[in-house]
Amino acid sequence: MQWTVIIPVKALPNAKSRLAAASPDDAAHARLVTAMRRDTAHAARNAATVARVLVVADRRGDPTADLVQTLPGLNEGLSEAASFAAQRWPTDGIAALVGDLPALHSEELAAALADAADHPRAFVADAAETGTTLLTARPGVPLRPAFGRGSAARHARHAVAVSGGPGLRTDVDTVEDLSQAELLGFGLSTRSVTADSRTRWMMTK
């Protein structure tokens, strides 16, 4: 089974506000967030069985976006994008993937999607076991996204938890998360940006 992967993005400069302390200025923060998104999308596009990646933005102006949501809210945007994908590619599964996985490897995502294919809905919890980094639905099954604080418990009510590799489970919201992702190994874009911008977290650890 093939998959359409949907990655939601929040417009800068408001995106990843808790991570702003990692960067010396707003421009460096924007470069870091953009680099993490690029690495996430690159890993997704190169994962076996992923037919396409759709980036959905919460407002116009993001040059990386394929779709712009019309209703406010992360879950509303994902639902809109999932409905679009289901109509356009009805024989493919749909996977919602968070966009802040700079240590994600294509093989990790491929393995999780292979496990998810056995269930109508499935999800991968983050490293803290409270959030969600991946939510999937087989063809013809509504995605029912419920992202946000405590989302793993909400998704567990109608989806099966499947395992994920460390890069898939390490989403980055804070400076500490970023340090953990670096230990796993950044993707090319994030590695390049952090080396060039000399972000504060690198100088103080």
Protein backbone atom coordinates (compact mmCIF):
# COMPACT_ATOMS: atom_id res chain seq x y z
CA MET A 1 0.00 0.00 0.00
CA GLN A 2 1.17 3.48 -0.83
CA TRP A 3 0.77 6.53 1.37
CA THR A 4 0.10 10.23 1.11
CA VAL A 5 2.02 11.94 3.90
CA ILE A 6 0.64 15.25 5.17
CA ILE A 7 2.94 17.61 7.06
CA PRO A 8 1.29 20.60 8.77
CA VAL A 9 3.31 23.81 9.20
CA LYS A 10 2.63 26.92 11.23
CA ALA A 11 3.62 30.24 9.70
CA LEU A 12 6.71 32.01 10.95
CA PRO A 13 7.54 33.91 13.12
CA ASN A 14 5.00 32.30 15.49
CA ALA A 15 6.10 28.73 14.79
CA LYS A 16 8.06 26.89 17.48
CA SER A 17 8.03 29.76 19.97
CA ARG A 18 9.39 27.56 22.77
CA LEU A 19 12.44 26.86 20.63
CA ALA A 20 13.25 30.53 20.07
CA ALA A 21 15.71 30.53 22.98
CA ALA A 22 17.94 28.22 20.95
CA SER A 23 18.69 30.94 18.41
CA PRO A 24 20.46 34.27 18.76
CA ASP A 25 17.84 36.19 16.77
CA ASP A 26 14.55 35.85 14.90
CA ALA A 27 16.23 35.26 11.55
CA ALA A 28 18.27 32.36 12.93
CA HIS A 29 15.14 30.91 14.53
CA ALA A 30 13.33 31.04 11.18
CA ARG A 31 16.24 29.29 9.46
CA LEU A 32 16.30 26.57 12.09
CA VAL A 33 12.54 25.89 11.91
CA THR A 34 12.63 25.87 8.11
CA ALA A 35 15.60 23.49 8.10
CA MET A 36 13.86 21.02 10.41
CA ARG A 37 10.83 21.05 8.14
CA ARG A 38 12.99 20.41 5.10
CA ASP A 39 14.73 17.47 6.74
CA THR A 40 11.40 15.99 7.82
CA ALA A 41 9.91 16.34 4.35
CA HIS A 42 13.07 14.98 2.70
CA ALA A 43 13.01 11.86 4.87
CA ALA A 44 9.32 11.36 4.16
CA ARG A 45 9.70 11.73 0.41
CA ASN A 46 12.44 9.11 0.37
CA ALA A 47 10.60 6.54 2.47
CA ALA A 48 9.52 3.38 0.69
CA THR A 49 5.77 3.28 -0.06
CA VAL A 50 5.37 7.08 0.32
CA ALA A 51 3.83 8.19 -2.96
CA ARG A 52 3.75 11.90 -2.16
CA VAL A 53 4.18 14.49 0.57
CA LEU A 54 1.72 17.36 1.00
CA VAL A 55 2.70 20.33 3.15
CA VAL A 56 -0.34 22.17 4.51
CA ALA A 57 0.16 25.68 5.91
CA ASP A 58 -2.08 27.61 8.29
CA ARG A 59 -1.84 30.75 6.15
CA ARG A 60 -0.67 31.90 2.73
CA GLY A 61 2.90 32.94 2.10
CA ASP A 62 4.81 29.76 2.94
CA PRO A 63 6.75 28.86 -0.23
CA THR A 64 7.02 25.20 0.83
CA ALA A 65 3.25 24.68 1.15
CA ASP A 66 1.21 22.60 -1.27
CA LEU A 67 -2.10 23.42 0.43
CA VAL A 68 -3.40 26.26 2.59
CA GLN A 69 -6.09 25.40 5.12
CA THR A 70 -9.32 27.38 5.18
CA LEU A 71 -10.35 26.62 8.77
CA PRO A 72 -8.25 27.62 11.80
CA GLY A 73 -6.54 24.99 13.93
CA LEU A 74 -4.00 22.23 13.43
CA ASN A 75 -6.50 19.37 13.46
CA GLU A 76 -8.90 21.22 11.19
CA GLY A 77 -6.11 21.79 8.69
CA LEU A 78 -5.12 18.15 8.80
CA SER A 79 -8.72 17.05 8.32
CA GLU A 80 -9.08 19.31 5.29
CA ALA A 81 -5.86 18.01 3.77
CA ALA A 82 -6.82 14.40 4.52
CA SER A 83 -10.19 14.88 2.80
CA PHE A 84 -8.45 16.38 -0.23
CA ALA A 85 -5.99 13.47 -0.38
CA ALA A 86 -8.73 10.85 0.03
CA GLN A 87 -10.64 12.29 -2.90
CA ARG A 88 -7.58 12.71 -5.09
CA TRP A 89 -5.84 9.40 -4.29
CA PRO A 90 -8.56 7.14 -2.84
CA THR A 91 -6.55 3.91 -2.95
CA ASP A 92 -3.67 5.28 -0.85
CA GLY A 93 -3.40 5.47 2.91
CA ILE A 94 -3.08 8.84 4.63
CA ALA A 95 -0.43 9.69 7.22
CA ALA A 96 -0.17 12.91 9.23
CA LEU A 97 3.45 13.56 10.20
CA VAL A 98 4.65 16.39 12.42
CA GLY A 99 7.16 18.68 10.74
CA ASP A 100 9.76 18.98 13.50
CA LEU A 101 11.67 15.71 13.18
CA PRO A 102 15.20 16.79 12.16
CA ALA A 103 16.70 13.39 13.02
CA LEU A 104 14.11 11.34 11.09
CA HIS A 105 15.41 8.62 8.79
CA SER A 106 13.39 7.41 5.81
CA GLU A 107 13.77 3.81 6.97
CA GLU A 108 12.17 4.62 10.32
CA LEU A 109 9.11 6.11 8.67
CA ALA A 110 8.88 3.24 6.19
CA ALA A 111 8.95 0.69 9.00
CA ALA A 112 6.25 2.48 10.98
CA LEU A 113 4.05 2.78 7.91
CA ALA A 114 4.49 -0.92 7.20
CA ASP A 115 3.23 -1.71 10.71
CA ALA A 116 0.44 0.84 10.41
CA ALA A 117 -0.82 -0.76 7.19
CA ASP A 118 -2.16 -3.67 9.26
CA HIS A 119 -4.61 -1.43 11.15
CA PRO A 120 -7.48 0.87 10.15
CA ARG A 121 -5.82 3.65 12.15
CA ALA A 122 -2.44 3.70 13.87
CA PHE A 123 -0.16 6.19 15.57
CA VAL A 124 3.37 6.61 16.88
CA ALA A 125 3.81 8.31 20.23
CA ASP A 126 6.63 10.74 20.86
CA ALA A 127 9.58 9.95 23.14
CA ALA A 128 7.65 11.22 26.17
CA GLU A 129 4.75 8.85 25.34
CA THR A 130 2.28 11.74 25.63
CA GLY A 131 2.31 13.35 22.20
CA THR A 132 1.97 11.97 18.68
CA THR A 133 4.40 12.24 15.79
CA LEU A 134 2.58 10.07 13.23
CA LEU A 135 -1.11 9.26 12.70
CA THR A 136 -2.27 7.00 9.88
CA ALA A 137 -5.47 5.79 8.28
CA ARG A 138 -5.97 3.10 5.70
CA PRO A 139 -7.84 3.96 2.47
CA GLY A 140 -11.48 4.77 3.14
CA VAL A 141 -10.92 5.33 6.88
CA PRO A 142 -11.26 8.90 8.24
CA LEU A 143 -8.02 10.16 9.80
CA ARG A 144 -9.60 11.76 12.91
CA PRO A 145 -6.58 13.85 14.00
CA ALA A 146 -6.47 14.96 17.65
CA PHE A 147 -3.02 16.50 17.91
CA GLY A 148 -2.01 18.77 20.77
CA ARG A 149 -0.98 18.28 24.37
CA GLY A 150 -1.83 14.73 25.49
CA SER A 151 -2.67 13.59 21.97
CA ALA A 152 -1.34 10.05 22.40
CA ALA A 153 -4.11 9.21 24.85
CA ARG A 154 -6.74 10.68 22.55
CA HIS A 155 -5.45 8.86 19.49
CA ALA A 156 -5.29 5.59 21.44
CA ARG A 157 -9.09 5.65 21.69
CA HIS A 158 -9.50 4.97 17.98
CA ALA A 159 -6.03 3.98 16.71
CA VAL A 160 -3.47 1.29 17.44
CA ALA A 161 -0.08 2.32 18.78
CA VAL A 162 2.81 1.07 16.63
CA SER A 163 6.51 1.35 17.32
CA GLY A 164 8.75 3.99 15.82
CA GLY A 165 12.47 4.56 15.63
CA PRO A 166 14.12 7.26 17.76
CA GLY A 167 14.25 9.79 14.94
CA LEU A 168 10.53 9.39 14.35
CA ARG A 169 9.75 9.84 18.04
CA THR A 170 12.03 12.84 18.68
CA ASP A 171 9.99 15.91 17.80
CA VAL A 172 11.59 19.23 18.67
CA ASP A 173 9.72 21.78 20.75
CA THR A 174 12.45 22.92 23.16
CA VAL A 175 16.20 23.46 23.33
CA GLU A 176 16.51 20.17 25.21
CA ASP A 177 14.64 18.36 22.42
CA LEU A 178 17.00 19.89 19.89
CA SER A 179 20.01 18.63 21.81
CA GLN A 180 18.52 15.13 21.89
CA ALA A 181 17.89 15.23 18.15
CA GLU A 182 21.49 16.26 17.56
CA LEU A 183 22.68 13.19 19.45
CA LEU A 184 20.65 11.04 17.05
CA GLY A 185 22.04 12.91 14.05
CA PHE A 186 20.53 15.91 12.28
CA GLY A 187 19.49 15.82 8.67
CA LEU A 188 21.57 17.82 6.19
CA SER A 189 19.57 21.06 6.35
CA THR A 190 19.42 21.26 10.15
CA ARG A 191 23.06 20.30 10.47
CA SER A 192 24.05 23.04 8.04
CA VAL A 193 21.94 25.73 9.68
CA THR A 194 23.07 25.01 13.23
CA ALA A 195 26.70 24.97 12.18
CA ASP A 196 26.40 28.26 10.31
CA SER A 197 24.20 30.26 12.67
CA ARG A 198 26.03 29.29 15.89
CA THR A 199 22.78 28.96 17.77
CA ARG A 200 22.97 29.65 21.48
CA TRP A 201 22.29 26.07 22.58
CA MET A 202 25.40 24.92 20.76
CA MET A 203 27.56 27.52 22.48
CA THR A 204 26.37 26.83 26.01
CA LYS A 205 26.30 23.04 26.26
